[in-house]
Amino acid sequence: MKKEKKMTITVKYYILLLLLLLSLFVALIYVKKQSATKNKVSSKIVQNKIVDSKKESTSEVYPDEELAIDSPIAQELINKINVFDSSKAGSYYGYFYNQDYLDINGISNDAKVMIGITQNKNFKTDFINATYDAVAPDGTNLDVIILSKEEVSEGINSFFGPNTEYSDTSLIDAKTDYCGFSGFEFDDTRNVYMNNPISCSGFPLPYIDTKVMRVFRSGNIIEVTLKVAYIKFDSTNKDDVIKYIYADNNSSKYIEKHHLLTDNSYHIDNVLDKLNTYKFTFTLNSNNYYYFTKVEKV
């Protein structure tokens, strides 16, 4: 009887121990599941933060703001649009101001080429020394300016945007003996643009004087607003040169005139209220570069 009771107590201990181990096992499984769930949630939060961070970095929107005229981005855009302000632009002189509205659809192939040439990184309006030695088909040595088709294409795309459509063609003044950079002729046998360097000297040449009034950025758009004055010269005799100021290149009525020997007081600030205003619009591309969209008289 005593022995049987002892055995019963032993069995109870074994059962109790088994239940204890089973409870511990269940508890461990529960803790493991909770830990795994927590890690998943944490991982998802971290991943979401990374995704949100990427979204923020790729969809940055600039606030509406005035840009300093001497800021790098403003100067870069201003330098893009002043290439036709010199009489060395020949038949393209004042090209951006010849009509009240102009976008890429209104720009001819030859004008696109002209713009592409001016946007070349090695371009200088006075490029008399930027020449290359070349040989004509008859063996004659030539001192000419040469730009490859690819260089001109890069210049066009840097102004209008990637993959701009155009056709290679000679410029308007290619067949004339003109003092300027509008005489490039396209050689389709070698796929290059060539121009003879001609030095401009002598009597003062006409030019366009501009005053940038405002550079404003709104979102992915930058607007450059400026005033335009046309400067022309005349002479009644070799000792008297007169500077005339016009609001329009084709106008016969001048705003001011100055005899340079006795009066050199002209400044565009004095005639701003009598000048026309033009606004250039540039749009930010996905490659973080601003391209010409349009120019309009306002």
Protein backbone atom coordinates (compact mmCIF):
# COMPACT_ATOMS: atom_id res chain seq x y z
CA MET A 1 0.00 0.00 0.00
CA LYS A 2 2.80 2.38 0.90
CA LYS A 3 4.65 1.46 -2.23
CA GLU A 4 1.60 2.09 -4.42
CA LYS A 5 1.11 5.57 -2.89
CA LYS A 6 4.73 6.42 -3.54
CA MET A 7 4.34 5.50 -7.19
CA THR A 8 1.23 7.68 -7.51
CA ILE A 9 3.13 10.71 -6.16
CA THR A 10 5.99 10.07 -8.62
CA VAL A 11 3.58 9.92 -11.57
CA LYS A 12 2.02 13.22 -10.47
CA TYR A 13 5.45 14.86 -10.39
CA TYR A 14 6.19 13.63 -13.92
CA ILE A 15 2.86 14.93 -15.19
CA LEU A 16 3.44 18.31 -13.50
CA LEU A 17 6.94 18.56 -14.99
CA LEU A 18 5.59 17.68 -18.44
CA LEU A 19 2.91 20.36 -18.18
CA LEU A 20 5.51 22.89 -17.09
CA LEU A 21 7.77 22.09 -20.06
CA LEU A 22 4.81 22.24 -22.43
CA SER A 23 3.81 25.68 -21.07
CA LEU A 24 7.40 26.91 -21.46
CA PHE A 25 7.48 25.65 -25.06
CA VAL A 26 4.20 27.41 -25.91
CA ALA A 27 5.46 30.62 -24.30
CA LEU A 28 8.67 30.50 -26.37
CA ILE A 29 6.73 30.08 -29.60
CA TYR A 30 4.48 33.06 -28.73
CA VAL A 31 7.46 35.30 -27.93
CA LYS A 32 9.16 34.32 -31.19
CA LYS A 33 6.06 35.13 -33.24
CA GLN A 34 5.65 38.50 -31.55
CA SER A 35 9.30 39.33 -32.19
CA ALA A 36 9.01 38.37 -35.87
CA THR A 37 5.88 40.52 -36.31
CA LYS A 38 7.59 43.49 -34.67
CA ASN A 39 10.63 43.13 -36.94
CA LYS A 40 8.41 43.04 -40.02
CA VAL A 41 6.60 46.20 -38.97
CA SER A 42 9.90 47.96 -38.19
CA SER A 43 11.35 46.83 -41.51
CA LYS A 44 8.28 48.09 -43.37
CA ILE A 45 8.49 51.46 -41.62
CA VAL A 46 12.17 51.78 -42.50
CA GLN A 47 11.49 50.80 -46.12
CA ASN A 48 8.65 53.29 -46.33
CA LYS A 49 10.93 56.01 -44.98
CA ILE A 50 13.55 55.17 -47.61
CA VAL A 51 10.93 55.25 -50.39
CA ASP A 52 9.52 58.54 -49.11
CA SER A 53 13.03 59.96 -48.91
CA LYS A 54 13.68 58.97 -52.52
CA LYS A 55 10.40 60.51 -53.60
CA GLU A 56 11.33 63.75 -51.91
CA SER A 57 14.75 63.89 -53.55
CA THR A 58 13.44 63.25 -57.08
CA SER A 59 10.38 65.47 -56.93
CA GLU A 60 11.90 68.63 -55.52
CA VAL A 61 9.85 71.68 -56.40
CA TYR A 62 11.47 75.10 -56.27
CA PRO A 63 9.52 77.80 -54.47
CA ASP A 64 8.48 81.00 -56.24
CA GLU A 65 11.42 83.35 -55.86
CA GLU A 66 13.32 86.25 -57.39
CA LEU A 67 16.78 85.23 -58.54
CA ALA A 68 19.72 87.61 -58.35
CA ILE A 69 20.65 88.79 -61.85
CA ASP A 70 24.31 88.08 -61.11
CA SER A 71 23.60 84.55 -59.85
CA PRO A 72 25.24 81.72 -61.86
CA ILE A 73 21.98 80.30 -63.20
CA ALA A 74 20.71 83.74 -64.26
CA GLN A 75 23.98 84.60 -66.00
CA GLU A 76 24.00 81.26 -67.78
CA LEU A 77 20.57 81.89 -69.27
CA ILE A 78 21.32 85.53 -70.10
CA ASN A 79 24.45 84.48 -71.99
CA LYS A 80 22.35 82.04 -74.00
CA ILE A 81 20.05 84.70 -75.39
CA ASN A 82 22.39 87.62 -76.11
CA VAL A 83 24.21 85.98 -79.03
CA PHE A 84 22.18 87.89 -81.65
CA ASP A 85 22.74 91.29 -80.03
CA SER A 86 25.87 91.97 -82.07
CA SER A 87 25.91 93.04 -85.71
CA LYS A 88 28.28 90.10 -86.24
CA ALA A 89 25.12 87.98 -86.19
CA GLY A 90 24.54 89.24 -89.73
CA SER A 91 21.08 88.44 -91.06
CA TYR A 92 20.17 86.99 -87.65
CA TYR A 93 20.77 90.30 -85.87
CA GLY A 94 18.04 90.81 -83.25
CA TYR A 95 16.49 87.47 -84.18
CA PHE A 96 14.66 86.96 -80.88
CA TYR A 97 13.00 90.40 -81.07
CA ASN A 98 11.80 90.44 -84.66
CA GLN A 99 8.31 89.26 -83.72
CA ASP A 100 5.98 89.40 -80.74
CA TYR A 101 6.12 85.66 -80.03
CA LEU A 102 8.61 82.95 -80.89
CA ASP A 103 9.03 79.32 -79.84
CA ILE A 104 10.80 76.35 -81.41
CA ASN A 105 7.99 75.85 -83.93
CA GLY A 106 8.72 79.26 -85.44
CA ILE A 107 12.48 78.83 -85.67
CA SER A 108 13.86 77.75 -89.05
CA ASN A 109 16.50 75.07 -89.54
CA ASP A 110 19.21 77.57 -90.43
CA ALA A 111 18.41 79.62 -87.31
CA LYS A 112 18.62 76.46 -85.19
CA VAL A 113 22.04 75.80 -86.72
CA MET A 114 23.07 79.39 -86.01
CA ILE A 115 21.98 78.96 -82.39
CA GLY A 116 23.81 75.62 -82.20
CA ILE A 117 27.02 77.30 -83.38
CA THR A 118 26.73 80.05 -80.78
CA GLN A 119 26.12 77.51 -78.00
CA ASN A 120 29.31 75.61 -78.80
CA LYS A 121 31.59 75.67 -75.76
CA ASN A 122 34.46 77.09 -77.85
CA PHE A 123 32.37 79.80 -79.49
CA LYS A 124 33.46 83.44 -79.28
CA THR A 125 31.76 86.26 -81.14
CA ASP A 126 35.17 87.52 -82.14
CA PHE A 127 36.72 84.23 -83.22
CA ILE A 128 39.33 85.52 -85.65
CA ASN A 129 41.99 83.41 -83.91
CA ALA A 130 39.84 80.31 -83.47
CA THR A 131 40.91 78.85 -86.80
CA TYR A 132 42.01 75.47 -88.07
CA ASP A 133 44.34 74.48 -90.89
CA ALA A 134 42.38 72.75 -93.64
CA VAL A 135 43.03 71.62 -97.18
CA ALA A 136 40.64 72.34 -100.04
CA PRO A 137 39.80 69.63 -102.60
CA ASP A 138 42.29 71.22 -105.03
CA GLY A 139 45.04 70.98 -102.41
CA THR A 140 45.00 74.65 -101.39
CA ASN A 141 45.75 75.33 -97.72
CA LEU A 142 42.91 77.17 -96.00
CA ASP A 143 42.77 79.13 -92.79
CA VAL A 144 39.17 78.48 -91.76
CA ILE A 145 36.90 77.92 -88.82
CA ILE A 146 35.54 74.38 -88.72
CA LEU A 147 32.89 72.87 -86.48
CA SER A 148 31.81 69.26 -86.80
CA LYS A 149 28.19 68.33 -87.38
CA GLU A 150 28.22 66.72 -83.93
CA GLU A 151 29.43 69.92 -82.24
CA VAL A 152 26.63 71.93 -83.81
CA SER A 153 24.09 69.26 -82.85
CA GLU A 154 25.29 69.37 -79.23
CA GLY A 155 24.88 73.15 -79.25
CA ILE A 156 21.32 72.91 -80.58
CA ASN A 157 20.36 70.33 -77.96
CA SER A 158 21.95 72.38 -75.18
CA PHE A 159 19.62 75.26 -76.09
CA PHE A 160 16.35 73.55 -77.02
CA GLY A 161 16.65 70.22 -75.23
CA PRO A 162 17.70 66.64 -76.07
CA ASN A 163 16.87 65.18 -79.49
CA THR A 164 15.77 68.47 -81.09
CA GLU A 165 14.72 67.91 -84.70
CA TYR A 166 16.50 69.95 -87.37
CA SER A 167 18.21 69.56 -90.75
CA ASP A 168 21.81 70.50 -91.44
CA THR A 169 21.97 73.52 -93.72
CA SER A 170 24.15 76.53 -94.51
CA LEU A 171 23.45 79.88 -92.91
CA ILE A 172 21.87 82.80 -94.77
CA ASP A 173 25.13 84.73 -95.16
CA ALA A 174 27.20 81.71 -96.25
CA LYS A 175 27.63 83.02 -99.81
CA THR A 176 28.44 86.60 -98.86
CA ASP A 177 31.66 88.23 -97.75
CA TYR A 178 30.20 89.23 -94.40
CA CYS A 179 32.08 90.36 -91.32
CA GLY A 180 30.60 88.08 -88.68
CA PHE A 181 29.72 84.54 -87.66
CA SER A 182 26.60 84.10 -89.82
CA GLY A 183 28.56 82.82 -92.81
CA PHE A 184 28.97 79.16 -91.88
CA GLU A 185 28.45 76.81 -94.81
CA PHE A 186 27.62 73.12 -94.40
CA ASP A 187 29.92 70.74 -96.25
CA ASP A 188 27.89 67.53 -96.61
CA THR A 189 30.84 65.61 -98.04
CA ARG A 190 32.73 65.88 -94.73
CA ASN A 191 29.80 66.69 -92.41
CA VAL A 192 31.39 69.89 -91.11
CA TYR A 193 30.48 73.58 -90.92
CA MET A 194 33.09 75.99 -92.31
CA ASN A 195 33.50 79.75 -92.20
CA ASN A 196 36.25 82.13 -93.26
CA PRO A 197 37.54 84.29 -90.40
CA ILE A 198 37.05 87.96 -91.22
CA SER A 199 38.19 90.72 -88.91
CA CYS A 200 35.63 93.46 -88.22
CA SER A 201 37.05 96.94 -87.84
CA GLY A 202 36.48 100.55 -88.79
CA PHE A 203 33.32 102.55 -88.25
CA PRO A 204 31.33 101.75 -85.06
CA LEU A 205 28.95 98.85 -85.69
CA PRO A 206 25.32 98.78 -84.54
CA TYR A 207 24.42 96.67 -81.56
CA ILE A 208 21.54 95.84 -79.25
CA ASP A 209 21.73 97.11 -75.69
CA THR A 210 19.66 95.21 -73.11
CA LYS A 211 18.83 95.63 -69.46
CA VAL A 212 17.68 92.58 -67.48
CA MET A 213 14.84 93.71 -65.27
CA ARG A 214 13.91 90.50 -63.54
CA VAL A 215 14.82 86.81 -63.25
CA PHE A 216 12.00 84.87 -61.61
CA ARG A 217 11.73 81.15 -60.83
CA SER A 218 8.37 79.45 -60.30
CA GLY A 219 8.41 75.67 -59.92
CA ASN A 220 10.36 74.31 -62.90
CA ILE A 221 10.13 77.56 -64.88
CA ILE A 222 12.58 80.48 -65.01
CA GLU A 223 11.53 83.74 -66.70
CA VAL A 224 14.06 86.36 -67.79
CA THR A 225 12.49 89.76 -68.47
CA LEU A 226 14.49 92.50 -70.18
CA LYS A 227 14.32 95.81 -72.02
CA VAL A 228 15.75 96.19 -75.53
CA ALA A 229 17.35 99.22 -77.21
CA TYR A 230 18.81 99.37 -80.74
CA ILE A 231 21.97 101.44 -81.11
CA LYS A 232 22.95 102.81 -84.52
CA PHE A 233 25.69 105.16 -85.69
CA ASP A 234 25.94 107.75 -88.38
CA SER A 235 28.46 110.36 -89.42
CA THR A 236 28.01 113.74 -91.09
CA ASN A 237 31.76 114.01 -91.47
CA LYS A 238 34.76 112.01 -90.32
CA ASP A 239 35.03 113.98 -87.08
CA ASP A 240 31.40 113.79 -85.98
CA VAL A 241 29.92 110.39 -85.11
CA ILE A 242 26.31 110.37 -83.90
CA LYS A 243 24.82 107.61 -81.75
CA TYR A 244 21.08 107.04 -82.23
CA ILE A 245 18.86 105.10 -79.82
CA TYR A 246 15.78 103.29 -81.16
CA ALA A 247 13.06 101.21 -79.54
CA ASP A 248 12.67 99.16 -82.72
CA ASN A 249 15.21 98.13 -85.32
CA ASN A 250 12.99 99.20 -88.21
CA SER A 251 11.85 102.48 -86.70
CA SER A 252 12.75 105.76 -88.37
CA LYS A 253 12.08 107.73 -85.21
CA TYR A 254 14.87 107.71 -82.66
CA ILE A 255 14.49 108.14 -78.89
CA GLU A 256 17.78 109.93 -78.33
CA LYS A 257 20.83 111.02 -80.27
CA HIS A 258 24.31 111.82 -78.98
CA HIS A 259 27.25 113.45 -80.73
CA LEU A 260 30.04 111.27 -79.39
CA LEU A 261 32.72 113.95 -79.56
CA THR A 262 30.81 116.18 -77.16
CA ASP A 263 28.14 113.96 -75.58
CA ASN A 264 28.68 110.45 -74.35
CA SER A 265 25.88 110.49 -71.78
CA TYR A 266 23.76 107.67 -73.17
CA HIS A 267 22.69 105.04 -70.63
CA ILE A 268 19.87 102.55 -71.09
CA ASP A 269 18.51 103.35 -67.61
CA ASN A 270 17.50 106.81 -68.88
CA VAL A 271 15.17 105.45 -71.57
CA LEU A 272 13.70 102.31 -69.99
CA ASP A 273 10.15 103.66 -70.06
CA LYS A 274 10.38 104.11 -73.85
CA LEU A 275 11.69 100.61 -74.64
CA ASN A 276 9.93 97.37 -75.45
CA THR A 277 9.92 94.53 -72.92
CA TYR A 278 10.56 90.88 -73.76
CA LYS A 279 10.24 87.81 -71.57
CA PHE A 280 12.17 84.59 -72.13
CA THR A 281 10.87 81.37 -70.61
CA PHE A 282 13.11 78.42 -69.77
CA THR A 283 11.87 75.04 -68.51
CA LEU A 284 13.72 72.61 -66.24
CA ASN A 285 14.25 69.23 -67.88
CA SER A 286 14.55 65.87 -66.11
CA ASN A 287 18.33 66.13 -66.49
CA ASN A 288 18.28 69.18 -64.19
CA TYR A 289 19.04 71.61 -67.03
CA TYR A 290 17.02 74.61 -68.23
CA TYR A 291 16.04 74.79 -71.91
CA PHE A 292 14.52 77.57 -74.01
CA THR A 293 10.72 77.39 -74.33
CA LYS A 294 9.66 80.75 -75.79
CA VAL A 295 10.24 84.49 -76.00
CA GLU A 296 7.38 86.99 -76.11
CA LYS A 297 6.84 90.70 -76.16
CA VAL A 298 5.01 91.78 -73.00
